[in-house]
Amino acid sequence: MNPFEFQLDMTPTNGLSPMISCSQGDIKRPFVAELKYMGSDFTIPESSIVEIRAKKPDGNVYIHAATFSEQYVYFETEEQLSIVSGNVICEISITGTDGSVIGTWNFILKVERSPIVGGTESDSEITWIEEAQAAEAAAKVSETAAKTSENNSAGSA
């Protein structure tokens, strides 16, 4: 499927966030956002962290990493992004490796109600944070195990 392409300007002239549409339950639907700043292309610094952040109509949140090249951001709808019909308030967030915010571009994802979607509950989905927390927890367990083993070896010598 060809991606749906749209432009986002950090400083929209009419003050309104653009609206793009998808259907409830759309999964892996590709989008390409071309980022602008005051009408000119905004080139994303290479070491940036780019995320799609959203708040669904039921109050749950969604944060996923996106890929990028120059002024283009590539993302796909995932199950949790399109599970609830209604207006999903979204932003493309770009941060530096030091955590500083480089910029945010806002849009509304209008999720049209599907007559056949059902069975999946809406939930918050923050994948990269959950993955980082799991990796940190695993590292702490390994570190604790290594210290215990070291202490046991020293105690039996």
Protein backbone atom coordinates (compact mmCIF):
# COMPACT_ATOMS: atom_id res chain seq x y z
CA MET A 1 0.00 0.00 0.00
CA ASN A 2 1.28 3.44 -0.88
CA PRO A 3 1.66 5.73 2.12
CA PHE A 4 -0.69 8.64 2.69
CA GLU A 5 1.49 11.75 2.41
CA PHE A 6 0.72 15.02 4.18
CA GLN A 7 2.49 18.22 5.24
CA LEU A 8 2.72 19.62 8.74
CA ASP A 9 3.90 23.12 9.51
CA MET A 10 5.01 23.90 13.06
CA THR A 11 3.47 27.33 12.58
CA PRO A 12 0.21 26.75 10.66
CA THR A 13 -1.13 29.93 9.11
CA ASN A 14 -4.74 29.27 10.13
CA GLY A 15 -3.87 28.07 13.65
CA LEU A 16 -5.62 24.73 13.13
CA SER A 17 -4.09 21.28 13.28
CA PRO A 18 -4.57 19.34 10.03
CA MET A 19 -6.89 16.34 10.10
CA ILE A 20 -6.08 13.02 8.45
CA SER A 21 -8.37 10.00 8.42
CA CYS A 22 -8.20 6.26 8.86
CA SER A 23 -10.65 3.52 9.77
CA GLN A 24 -11.04 1.96 13.17
CA GLY A 25 -8.87 -1.13 13.30
CA ASP A 26 -6.50 -0.03 10.51
CA ILE A 27 -3.20 -1.73 11.21
CA LYS A 28 0.04 -1.07 9.34
CA ARG A 29 -1.45 1.76 7.29
CA PRO A 30 1.57 3.83 6.21
CA PHE A 31 1.86 7.60 6.51
CA VAL A 32 4.57 10.07 5.52
CA ALA A 33 4.57 13.51 7.12
CA GLU A 34 6.64 16.22 5.51
CA LEU A 35 7.70 18.68 8.21
CA LYS A 36 7.80 22.41 7.59
CA TYR A 37 8.71 25.44 9.66
CA MET A 38 7.14 28.70 8.51
CA GLY A 39 6.61 27.20 5.06
CA SER A 40 10.19 25.96 4.60
CA ASP A 41 11.43 22.38 4.84
CA PHE A 42 12.54 21.41 8.35
CA THR A 43 15.49 19.02 8.19
CA ILE A 44 15.55 16.67 11.19
CA PRO A 45 19.01 16.39 12.78
CA GLU A 46 20.43 12.88 12.25
CA SER A 47 20.83 11.94 15.92
CA SER A 48 17.25 12.93 16.82
CA ILE A 49 14.62 10.77 18.48
CA VAL A 50 11.34 10.96 16.58
CA GLU A 51 8.09 9.72 18.10
CA ILE A 52 4.40 9.70 17.36
CA ARG A 53 2.55 10.68 20.54
CA ALA A 54 -1.21 10.53 20.80
CA LYS A 55 -4.11 10.75 23.21
CA LYS A 56 -7.13 8.69 22.22
CA PRO A 57 -10.74 9.78 22.84
CA ASP A 58 -10.95 7.35 25.80
CA GLY A 59 -7.97 9.05 27.51
CA ASN A 60 -5.39 6.33 26.86
CA VAL A 61 -2.06 7.37 25.35
CA TYR A 62 0.10 6.01 22.57
CA ILE A 63 3.80 6.66 22.03
CA HIS A 64 5.79 4.92 19.29
CA ALA A 65 9.13 5.57 17.66
CA ALA A 66 9.02 6.72 14.05
CA THR A 67 11.66 6.67 11.34
CA PHE A 68 12.80 9.73 9.43
CA SER A 69 14.92 11.03 6.59
CA GLU A 70 15.62 14.72 6.08
CA GLN A 71 12.22 16.44 6.56
CA TYR A 72 10.12 13.27 6.23
CA VAL A 73 8.70 11.21 9.11
CA TYR A 74 7.45 7.67 8.40
CA PHE A 75 4.98 5.85 10.63
CA GLU A 76 2.20 3.27 10.47
CA THR A 77 -1.03 2.91 12.37
CA GLU A 78 -0.76 0.25 15.02
CA GLU A 79 -3.68 -1.52 16.65
CA GLN A 80 -3.76 0.74 19.72
CA LEU A 81 -3.56 3.95 17.66
CA SER A 82 -6.69 3.17 15.64
CA ILE A 83 -8.72 1.05 18.09
CA VAL A 84 -11.02 3.84 19.35
CA SER A 85 -13.15 5.80 16.90
CA GLY A 86 -13.12 9.57 17.15
CA ASN A 87 -10.51 12.31 17.02
CA VAL A 88 -7.07 11.20 18.23
CA ILE A 89 -4.92 14.19 19.17
CA CYS A 90 -1.44 13.47 17.77
CA GLU A 91 1.96 15.06 17.60
CA ILE A 92 5.24 14.25 15.99
CA SER A 93 7.82 14.93 18.68
CA ILE A 94 11.50 15.41 17.89
CA THR A 95 14.01 15.40 20.73
CA GLY A 96 17.77 15.50 20.87
CA THR A 97 19.84 12.75 22.46
CA ASP A 98 20.15 14.99 25.54
CA GLY A 99 16.35 14.99 25.92
CA SER A 100 15.86 18.58 24.74
CA VAL A 101 12.76 19.18 22.63
CA ILE A 102 13.68 20.23 19.10
CA GLY A 103 10.08 20.60 17.95
CA THR A 104 6.57 19.20 17.85
CA TRP A 105 4.13 19.11 14.96
CA ASN A 106 0.45 18.51 15.72
CA PHE A 107 -2.31 16.83 13.76
CA ILE A 108 -5.61 15.07 14.38
CA LEU A 109 -6.12 11.48 13.30
CA LYS A 110 -9.84 11.07 12.65
CA VAL A 111 -10.57 7.39 13.26
CA GLU A 112 -13.80 6.51 11.48
CA ARG A 113 -16.00 3.93 13.22
CA SER A 114 -15.84 0.45 11.72
CA PRO A 115 -18.93 -1.77 11.74
CA ILE A 116 -16.84 -4.92 12.26
CA VAL A 117 -14.10 -4.04 14.77
CA GLY A 118 -14.49 -5.60 18.18
CA GLY A 119 -12.81 -7.74 20.76
CA THR A 120 -9.71 -5.64 21.43
CA GLU A 121 -9.71 -3.27 24.37
CA SER A 122 -8.07 0.12 24.21
CA ASP A 123 -4.99 0.50 26.37
CA SER A 124 -2.05 2.85 26.69
CA GLU A 125 0.91 1.80 24.58
CA ILE A 126 4.33 3.27 25.21
CA THR A 127 6.65 0.74 23.62
CA TRP A 128 10.08 2.28 23.86
CA ILE A 129 9.63 3.25 27.53
CA GLU A 130 8.45 -0.26 28.44
CA GLU A 131 11.38 -1.80 26.53
CA ALA A 132 13.88 0.50 28.27
CA GLN A 133 12.40 -0.28 31.70
CA ALA A 134 12.58 -4.02 31.02
CA ALA A 135 16.22 -3.73 29.91
CA GLU A 136 17.07 -1.66 33.00
CA ALA A 137 15.38 -4.21 35.28
CA ALA A 138 17.25 -7.09 33.61
CA ALA A 139 20.55 -5.23 34.02
CA LYS A 140 19.88 -4.68 37.73
CA VAL A 141 19.06 -8.38 38.21
CA SER A 142 22.29 -9.35 36.45
CA GLU A 143 24.29 -6.85 38.52
CA THR A 144 22.75 -8.14 41.77
CA ALA A 145 23.44 -11.75 40.78
CA ALA A 146 27.06 -10.90 39.94
CA LYS A 147 27.56 -9.15 43.32
CA THR A 148 25.96 -12.08 45.19
CA SER A 149 28.19 -14.52 43.35
CA GLU A 150 31.24 -12.36 44.06
CA ASN A 151 30.32 -12.10 47.76
CA ASN A 152 29.75 -15.87 47.99
CA SER A 153 33.12 -16.55 46.36
CA ALA A 154 34.87 -14.14 48.73
CA GLY A 155 33.11 -15.65 51.75
CA SER A 156 34.10 -19.23 50.93
CA ALA A 157 37.76 -18.42 50.30
